[in-house]
Amino acid sequence: MQQFDVSKDIWALIVMNAQVDYCDEEKGSRVVEGVAGDPSMAVVTDNIVALIAKPFRRIVVSNDIHPRRPDAMENVEQSLSGEKSHCIERTPGVHLIPKIELALVGKSSRPVRKGEHPSLICNSIGTSPEFSTHVSTLRSLNVKHVVVCGFPFSSAVAMTAIEHVNQEFEHVYVVLDATRSDAAPSRCPDNMKKALELLGVELVTVKDFA
């Protein structure tokens, strides 16, 4: 079985939405519950930690940070999302879950802020005002391979992968056992997998990395 060695060539890892609101099943307001066949949250978290431990040249962590707003603006956010507000700046839910935050200590990581526009419920990294800078940095490092994991698969992770395909990186991967999907009626994960494969995104697992 072929294994990818991220110490060779130049690789970047992107970890999407590894925050309390998405990951902490007791404290999160917007936990990604998963669908049939998804690994448990504990397994996904451990697999993300295992990926972070690999010698990636660049690690990027998205921060979904919705600034505090007057009540009227917060109501706008609730109506757009169809659920209670989440990832609000200066609340515990916006912070990385401790296990992943600890894994990033001493790593060459860079947060990318998103979700700051009051009328936008943010998903992919491409909606960040820092996206162009992020892409320029990866190009300046001569990154050829982009690996995406995190939450949720069928929106933020998948769209982030597609955006890097559109930016013409040589290879883009989604690590299926390092992500979970939102339950119905959100996007269909199986259809999203087919779409990713058609676009040239490779669907892999943690075991595929040496």
C-alpha atoms as a PDB file:
ATOM      1  CA  MET A   1       0.000   0.000   0.000  1.00  0.00           C
ATOM      2  CA  GLN A   2       1.330   3.408  -0.975  1.00  0.00           C
ATOM      3  CA  GLN A   3       1.999   5.749   1.919  1.00  0.00           C
ATOM      4  CA  PHE A   4       2.529   9.479   1.669  1.00  0.00           C
ATOM      5  CA  ASP A   5       5.692  10.789   3.288  1.00  0.00           C
ATOM      6  CA  VAL A   6       5.052  14.427   4.165  1.00  0.00           C
ATOM      7  CA  SER A   7       8.729  14.933   4.990  1.00  0.00           C
ATOM      8  CA  LYS A   8       9.390  14.674   1.260  1.00  0.00           C
ATOM      9  CA  ASP A   9       8.256  17.264  -1.238  1.00  0.00           C
ATOM     10  CA  ILE A  10       6.266  20.086   0.368  1.00  0.00           C
ATOM     11  CA  TRP A  11       2.957  19.492   2.106  1.00  0.00           C
ATOM     12  CA  ALA A  12       0.450  21.661   3.972  1.00  0.00           C
ATOM     13  CA  LEU A  13      -2.204  20.544   6.448  1.00  0.00           C
ATOM     14  CA  ILE A  14      -5.442  22.498   6.893  1.00  0.00           C
ATOM     15  CA  VAL A  15      -7.540  21.805  10.005  1.00  0.00           C
ATOM     16  CA  MET A  16     -11.062  23.191   9.737  1.00  0.00           C
ATOM     17  CA  ASN A  17     -13.227  24.280  12.681  1.00  0.00           C
ATOM     18  CA  ALA A  18     -11.580  22.241  15.442  1.00  0.00           C
ATOM     19  CA  GLN A  19     -13.347  24.416  18.003  1.00  0.00           C
ATOM     20  CA  VAL A  20     -15.357  23.743  21.135  1.00  0.00           C
ATOM     21  CA  ASP A  21     -18.648  24.648  19.461  1.00  0.00           C
ATOM     22  CA  TYR A  22     -18.086  22.064  16.717  1.00  0.00           C
ATOM     23  CA  CYS A  23     -16.307  19.314  18.677  1.00  0.00           C
ATOM     24  CA  ASP A  24     -17.190  19.283  22.385  1.00  0.00           C
ATOM     25  CA  GLU A  25     -20.253  17.083  22.707  1.00  0.00           C
ATOM     26  CA  GLU A  26     -21.064  18.500  26.142  1.00  0.00           C
ATOM     27  CA  LYS A  27     -20.203  22.180  25.744  1.00  0.00           C
ATOM     28  CA  GLY A  28     -20.532  22.857  22.024  1.00  0.00           C
ATOM     29  CA  SER A  29     -23.519  24.720  20.597  1.00  0.00           C
ATOM     30  CA  ARG A  30     -23.002  23.435  17.053  1.00  0.00           C
ATOM     31  CA  VAL A  31     -21.516  19.938  17.455  1.00  0.00           C
ATOM     32  CA  VAL A  32     -20.996  17.971  14.234  1.00  0.00           C
ATOM     33  CA  GLU A  33     -22.966  14.838  15.050  1.00  0.00           C
ATOM     34  CA  GLY A  34     -21.850  12.668  12.156  1.00  0.00           C
ATOM     35  CA  VAL A  35     -23.763  10.279   9.909  1.00  0.00           C
ATOM     36  CA  ALA A  36     -23.851   6.501   9.546  1.00  0.00           C
ATOM     37  CA  GLY A  37     -20.348   5.184   8.975  1.00  0.00           C
ATOM     38  CA  ASP A  38     -18.549   8.225  10.373  1.00  0.00           C
ATOM     39  CA  PRO A  39     -15.922   7.621  13.059  1.00  0.00           C
ATOM     40  CA  SER A  40     -16.697   8.871  16.541  1.00  0.00           C
ATOM     41  CA  MET A  41     -15.688  12.375  17.582  1.00  0.00           C
ATOM     42  CA  ALA A  42     -12.976  10.884  19.814  1.00  0.00           C
ATOM     43  CA  VAL A  43     -11.494   8.921  16.909  1.00  0.00           C
ATOM     44  CA  VAL A  44     -11.614  11.922  14.587  1.00  0.00           C
ATOM     45  CA  THR A  45      -9.919  14.109  17.191  1.00  0.00           C
ATOM     46  CA  ASP A  46      -7.160  11.541  17.757  1.00  0.00           C
ATOM     47  CA  ASN A  47      -6.650  11.232  14.004  1.00  0.00           C
ATOM     48  CA  ILE A  48      -6.343  15.007  13.606  1.00  0.00           C
ATOM     49  CA  VAL A  49      -3.766  14.998  16.416  1.00  0.00           C
ATOM     50  CA  ALA A  50      -1.891  12.211  14.588  1.00  0.00           C
ATOM     51  CA  LEU A  51      -1.847  14.290  11.404  1.00  0.00           C
ATOM     52  CA  ILE A  52      -0.590  17.365  13.267  1.00  0.00           C
ATOM     53  CA  ALA A  53       2.298  15.240  14.561  1.00  0.00           C
ATOM     54  CA  LYS A  54       3.483  14.620  10.977  1.00  0.00           C
ATOM     55  CA  PRO A  55       6.263  16.888   9.638  1.00  0.00           C
ATOM     56  CA  PHE A  56       4.062  19.153   7.508  1.00  0.00           C
ATOM     57  CA  ARG A  57       5.860  22.259   6.246  1.00  0.00           C
ATOM     58  CA  ARG A  58       2.783  24.355   6.998  1.00  0.00           C
ATOM     59  CA  ILE A  59      -0.209  23.804   9.280  1.00  0.00           C
ATOM     60  CA  VAL A  60      -3.201  26.114   8.949  1.00  0.00           C
ATOM     61  CA  VAL A  61      -6.046  26.144  11.463  1.00  0.00           C
ATOM     62  CA  SER A  62      -9.274  27.940  10.653  1.00  0.00           C
ATOM     63  CA  ASN A  63     -10.881  30.091  13.340  1.00  0.00           C
ATOM     64  CA  ASP A  64     -14.615  30.637  12.877  1.00  0.00           C
ATOM     65  CA  ILE A  65     -14.964  33.878  14.860  1.00  0.00           C
ATOM     66  CA  HIS A  66     -18.251  35.761  14.782  1.00  0.00           C
ATOM     67  CA  PRO A  67     -17.706  39.089  16.564  1.00  0.00           C
ATOM     68  CA  ARG A  68     -20.158  40.009  19.286  1.00  0.00           C
ATOM     69  CA  ARG A  69     -22.936  42.163  17.899  1.00  0.00           C
ATOM     70  CA  PRO A  70     -25.999  43.971  19.161  1.00  0.00           C
ATOM     71  CA  ASP A  71     -29.021  41.733  19.696  1.00  0.00           C
ATOM     72  CA  ALA A  72     -30.443  42.646  16.300  1.00  0.00           C
ATOM     73  CA  MET A  73     -27.342  41.407  14.502  1.00  0.00           C
ATOM     74  CA  GLU A  74     -27.196  38.241  16.575  1.00  0.00           C
ATOM     75  CA  ASN A  75     -30.790  37.552  15.575  1.00  0.00           C
ATOM     76  CA  VAL A  76     -29.745  37.918  11.942  1.00  0.00           C
ATOM     77  CA  GLU A  77     -27.107  35.276  12.506  1.00  0.00           C
ATOM     78  CA  GLN A  78     -29.589  32.921  14.128  1.00  0.00           C
ATOM     79  CA  SER A  79     -32.085  33.306  11.296  1.00  0.00           C
ATOM     80  CA  LEU A  80     -29.410  32.688   8.657  1.00  0.00           C
ATOM     81  CA  SER A  81     -28.027  29.596  10.329  1.00  0.00           C
ATOM     82  CA  GLY A  82     -31.356  28.155  11.398  1.00  0.00           C
ATOM     83  CA  GLU A  83     -29.916  27.320  14.772  1.00  0.00           C
ATOM     84  CA  LYS A  84     -28.623  29.019  17.867  1.00  0.00           C
ATOM     85  CA  SER A  85     -25.627  31.284  17.479  1.00  0.00           C
ATOM     86  CA  HIS A  86     -22.218  29.639  17.611  1.00  0.00           C
ATOM     87  CA  CYS A  87     -18.522  30.507  17.628  1.00  0.00           C
ATOM     88  CA  ILE A  88     -19.175  33.959  19.027  1.00  0.00           C
ATOM     89  CA  GLU A  89     -15.997  35.854  19.828  1.00  0.00           C
ATOM     90  CA  ARG A  90     -15.116  35.999  23.541  1.00  0.00           C
ATOM     91  CA  THR A  91     -17.160  32.888  24.321  1.00  0.00           C
ATOM     92  CA  PRO A  92     -15.642  29.469  25.169  1.00  0.00           C
ATOM     93  CA  GLY A  93     -17.062  27.917  22.003  1.00  0.00           C
ATOM     94  CA  VAL A  94     -14.698  29.819  19.753  1.00  0.00           C
ATOM     95  CA  HIS A  95     -11.549  28.251  21.229  1.00  0.00           C
ATOM     96  CA  LEU A  96      -9.790  25.193  19.837  1.00  0.00           C
ATOM     97  CA  ILE A  97     -10.542  22.038  21.765  1.00  0.00           C
ATOM     98  CA  PRO A  98      -7.669  21.471  24.239  1.00  0.00           C
ATOM     99  CA  LYS A  99      -6.357  18.235  22.719  1.00  0.00           C
ATOM    100  CA  ILE A 100      -5.794  19.849  19.327  1.00  0.00           C
ATOM    101  CA  GLU A 101      -4.513  23.103  20.805  1.00  0.00           C
ATOM    102  CA  LEU A 102      -1.922  21.095  22.771  1.00  0.00           C
ATOM    103  CA  ALA A 103      -0.904  19.148  19.656  1.00  0.00           C
ATOM    104  CA  LEU A 104      -0.161  22.420  17.835  1.00  0.00           C
ATOM    105  CA  VAL A 105       2.336  23.645  20.440  1.00  0.00           C
ATOM    106  CA  GLY A 106       5.713  24.105  18.801  1.00  0.00           C
ATOM    107  CA  LYS A 107       4.340  23.479  15.310  1.00  0.00           C
ATOM    108  CA  SER A 108       4.636  25.840  12.367  1.00  0.00           C
ATOM    109  CA  SER A 109       0.959  26.717  12.419  1.00  0.00           C
ATOM    110  CA  ARG A 110      -1.027  29.753  11.357  1.00  0.00           C
ATOM    111  CA  PRO A 111      -4.651  30.596  12.200  1.00  0.00           C
ATOM    112  CA  VAL A 112      -6.907  31.943   9.462  1.00  0.00           C
ATOM    113  CA  ARG A 113      -9.888  33.931  10.732  1.00  0.00           C
ATOM    114  CA  LYS A 114     -13.270  33.605   9.085  1.00  0.00           C
ATOM    115  CA  GLY A 115     -16.911  34.276   9.892  1.00  0.00           C
ATOM    116  CA  GLU A 116     -16.466  37.972  10.592  1.00  0.00           C
ATOM    117  CA  HIS A 117     -19.071  39.349   8.179  1.00  0.00           C
ATOM    118  CA  PRO A 118     -22.440  39.869   9.897  1.00  0.00           C
ATOM    119  CA  SER A 119     -24.501  38.478   7.030  1.00  0.00           C
ATOM    120  CA  LEU A 120     -22.345  35.420   6.335  1.00  0.00           C
ATOM    121  CA  ILE A 121     -22.464  32.113   8.158  1.00  0.00           C
ATOM    122  CA  CYS A 122     -18.960  31.023   7.364  1.00  0.00           C
ATOM    123  CA  ASN A 123     -17.989  27.574   6.147  1.00  0.00           C
ATOM    124  CA  SER A 124     -14.913  27.183   3.973  1.00  0.00           C
ATOM    125  CA  ILE A 125     -11.557  28.856   4.315  1.00  0.00           C
ATOM    126  CA  GLY A 126     -12.235  30.574   0.997  1.00  0.00           C
ATOM    127  CA  THR A 127     -14.728  32.878   2.696  1.00  0.00           C
ATOM    128  CA  SER A 128     -11.965  34.313   4.881  1.00  0.00           C
ATOM    129  CA  PRO A 129     -10.632  37.775   3.990  1.00  0.00           C
ATOM    130  CA  GLU A 130      -7.224  36.188   4.566  1.00  0.00           C
ATOM    131  CA  PHE A 131      -7.682  33.505   1.894  1.00  0.00           C
ATOM    132  CA  SER A 132      -5.606  35.242  -0.782  1.00  0.00           C
ATOM    133  CA  THR A 133      -2.761  35.773   1.691  1.00  0.00           C
ATOM    134  CA  HIS A 134      -3.022  32.132   2.756  1.00  0.00           C
ATOM    135  CA  VAL A 135      -2.747  30.943  -0.855  1.00  0.00           C
ATOM    136  CA  SER A 136       0.159  33.304  -1.581  1.00  0.00           C
ATOM    137  CA  THR A 137       2.018  31.971   1.449  1.00  0.00           C
ATOM    138  CA  LEU A 138       1.557  28.356   0.375  1.00  0.00           C
ATOM    139  CA  ARG A 139       2.854  29.251  -3.082  1.00  0.00           C
ATOM    140  CA  SER A 140       5.832  31.100  -1.642  1.00  0.00           C
ATOM    141  CA  LEU A 141       6.691  27.936   0.296  1.00  0.00           C
ATOM    142  CA  ASN A 142       6.313  25.933  -2.939  1.00  0.00           C
ATOM    143  CA  VAL A 143       3.607  23.765  -1.388  1.00  0.00           C
ATOM    144  CA  LYS A 144       2.460  21.093  -3.838  1.00  0.00           C
ATOM    145  CA  HIS A 145       0.194  18.928  -1.700  1.00  0.00           C
ATOM    146  CA  VAL A 146      -2.701  20.176   0.454  1.00  0.00           C
ATOM    147  CA  VAL A 147      -4.361  17.920   3.041  1.00  0.00           C
ATOM    148  CA  VAL A 148      -7.711  18.940   4.565  1.00  0.00           C
ATOM    149  CA  CYS A 149      -9.411  17.596   7.685  1.00  0.00           C
ATOM    150  CA  GLY A 150     -11.732  18.883  10.422  1.00  0.00           C
ATOM    151  CA  PHE A 151     -15.421  19.763  10.526  1.00  0.00           C
ATOM    152  CA  PRO A 152     -17.929  19.410   8.908  1.00  0.00           C
ATOM    153  CA  PHE A 153     -17.001  17.222   5.944  1.00  0.00           C
ATOM    154  CA  SER A 154     -19.951  18.036   3.721  1.00  0.00           C
ATOM    155  CA  SER A 155     -19.497  21.799   3.881  1.00  0.00           C
ATOM    156  CA  ALA A 156     -16.341  23.427   5.279  1.00  0.00           C
ATOM    157  CA  VAL A 157     -13.913  20.574   4.600  1.00  0.00           C
ATOM    158  CA  ALA A 158     -15.197  19.686   1.121  1.00  0.00           C
ATOM    159  CA  MET A 159     -15.455  23.296  -0.046  1.00  0.00           C
ATOM    160  CA  THR A 160     -11.983  24.094   1.292  1.00  0.00           C
ATOM    161  CA  ALA A 161     -10.599  21.168  -0.710  1.00  0.00           C
ATOM    162  CA  ILE A 162     -12.382  22.364  -3.846  1.00  0.00           C
ATOM    163  CA  GLU A 163     -11.037  25.889  -3.390  1.00  0.00           C
ATOM    164  CA  HIS A 164      -7.485  24.542  -3.330  1.00  0.00           C
ATOM    165  CA  VAL A 165      -8.147  22.505  -6.471  1.00  0.00           C
ATOM    166  CA  ASN A 166      -9.328  25.736  -8.078  1.00  0.00           C
ATOM    167  CA  GLN A 167      -6.067  27.362  -7.010  1.00  0.00           C
ATOM    168  CA  GLU A 168      -4.266  24.634  -8.992  1.00  0.00           C
ATOM    169  CA  PHE A 169      -2.257  22.942  -6.269  1.00  0.00           C
ATOM    170  CA  GLU A 170      -0.895  19.690  -7.658  1.00  0.00           C
ATOM    171  CA  HIS A 171      -2.692  17.359  -5.245  1.00  0.00           C
ATOM    172  CA  VAL A 172      -5.494  17.937  -2.751  1.00  0.00           C
ATOM    173  CA  TYR A 173      -6.532  15.314  -0.215  1.00  0.00           C
ATOM    174  CA  VAL A 174      -9.401  14.956   2.278  1.00  0.00           C
ATOM    175  CA  VAL A 175      -8.736  12.623   5.208  1.00  0.00           C
ATOM    176  CA  LEU A 176     -12.034  10.801   5.678  1.00  0.00           C
ATOM    177  CA  ASP A 177     -11.350   9.418   9.156  1.00  0.00           C
ATOM    178  CA  ALA A 178     -10.301  12.879  10.346  1.00  0.00           C
ATOM    179  CA  THR A 179     -13.655  14.481   9.575  1.00  0.00           C
ATOM    180  CA  ARG A 180     -17.375  14.077  10.294  1.00  0.00           C
ATOM    181  CA  SER A 181     -20.501  15.196   8.474  1.00  0.00           C
ATOM    182  CA  ASP A 182     -23.532  17.113   9.626  1.00  0.00           C
ATOM    183  CA  ALA A 183     -26.606  14.949   9.881  1.00  0.00           C
ATOM    184  CA  ALA A 184     -29.606  15.402   7.575  1.00  0.00           C
ATOM    185  CA  PRO A 185     -31.003  17.622   6.178  1.00  0.00           C
ATOM    186  CA  SER A 186     -27.521  18.984   5.493  1.00  0.00           C
ATOM    187  CA  ARG A 187     -25.659  18.160   2.273  1.00  0.00           C
ATOM    188  CA  CYS A 188     -25.437  14.483   1.349  1.00  0.00           C
ATOM    189  CA  PRO A 189     -21.938  13.207   2.241  1.00  0.00           C
ATOM    190  CA  ASP A 190     -22.015  10.443  -0.392  1.00  0.00           C
ATOM    191  CA  ASN A 191     -22.838  12.917  -3.141  1.00  0.00           C
ATOM    192  CA  MET A 192     -20.095  15.215  -1.888  1.00  0.00           C
ATOM    193  CA  LYS A 193     -17.559  12.387  -2.006  1.00  0.00           C
ATOM    194  CA  LYS A 194     -18.480  11.707  -5.635  1.00  0.00           C
ATOM    195  CA  ALA A 195     -18.196  15.396  -6.476  1.00  0.00           C
ATOM    196  CA  LEU A 196     -14.767  15.642  -4.854  1.00  0.00           C
ATOM    197  CA  GLU A 197     -13.481  12.632  -6.748  1.00  0.00           C
ATOM    198  CA  LEU A 198     -14.768  14.048 -10.044  1.00  0.00           C
ATOM    199  CA  LEU A 199     -12.846  17.259  -9.299  1.00  0.00           C
ATOM    200  CA  GLY A 200      -9.643  15.345  -8.595  1.00  0.00           C
ATOM    201  CA  VAL A 201      -9.640  15.464  -4.804  1.00  0.00           C
ATOM    202  CA  GLU A 202      -8.176  12.264  -3.355  1.00  0.00           C
ATOM    203  CA  LEU A 203     -10.092  10.685  -0.448  1.00  0.00           C
ATOM    204  CA  VAL A 204      -7.623   9.104   1.959  1.00  0.00           C
ATOM    205  CA  THR A 205      -7.257   7.955   5.581  1.00  0.00           C
ATOM    206  CA  VAL A 206      -4.715   8.633   8.291  1.00  0.00           C
ATOM    207  CA  LYS A 207      -3.099   5.240   7.622  1.00  0.00           C
ATOM    208  CA  ASP A 208      -2.172   6.494   4.150  1.00  0.00           C
ATOM    209  CA  PHE A 209       0.420   8.805   5.756  1.00  0.00           C
ATOM    210  CA  ALA A 210       3.774   7.353   6.781  1.00  0.00           C
END
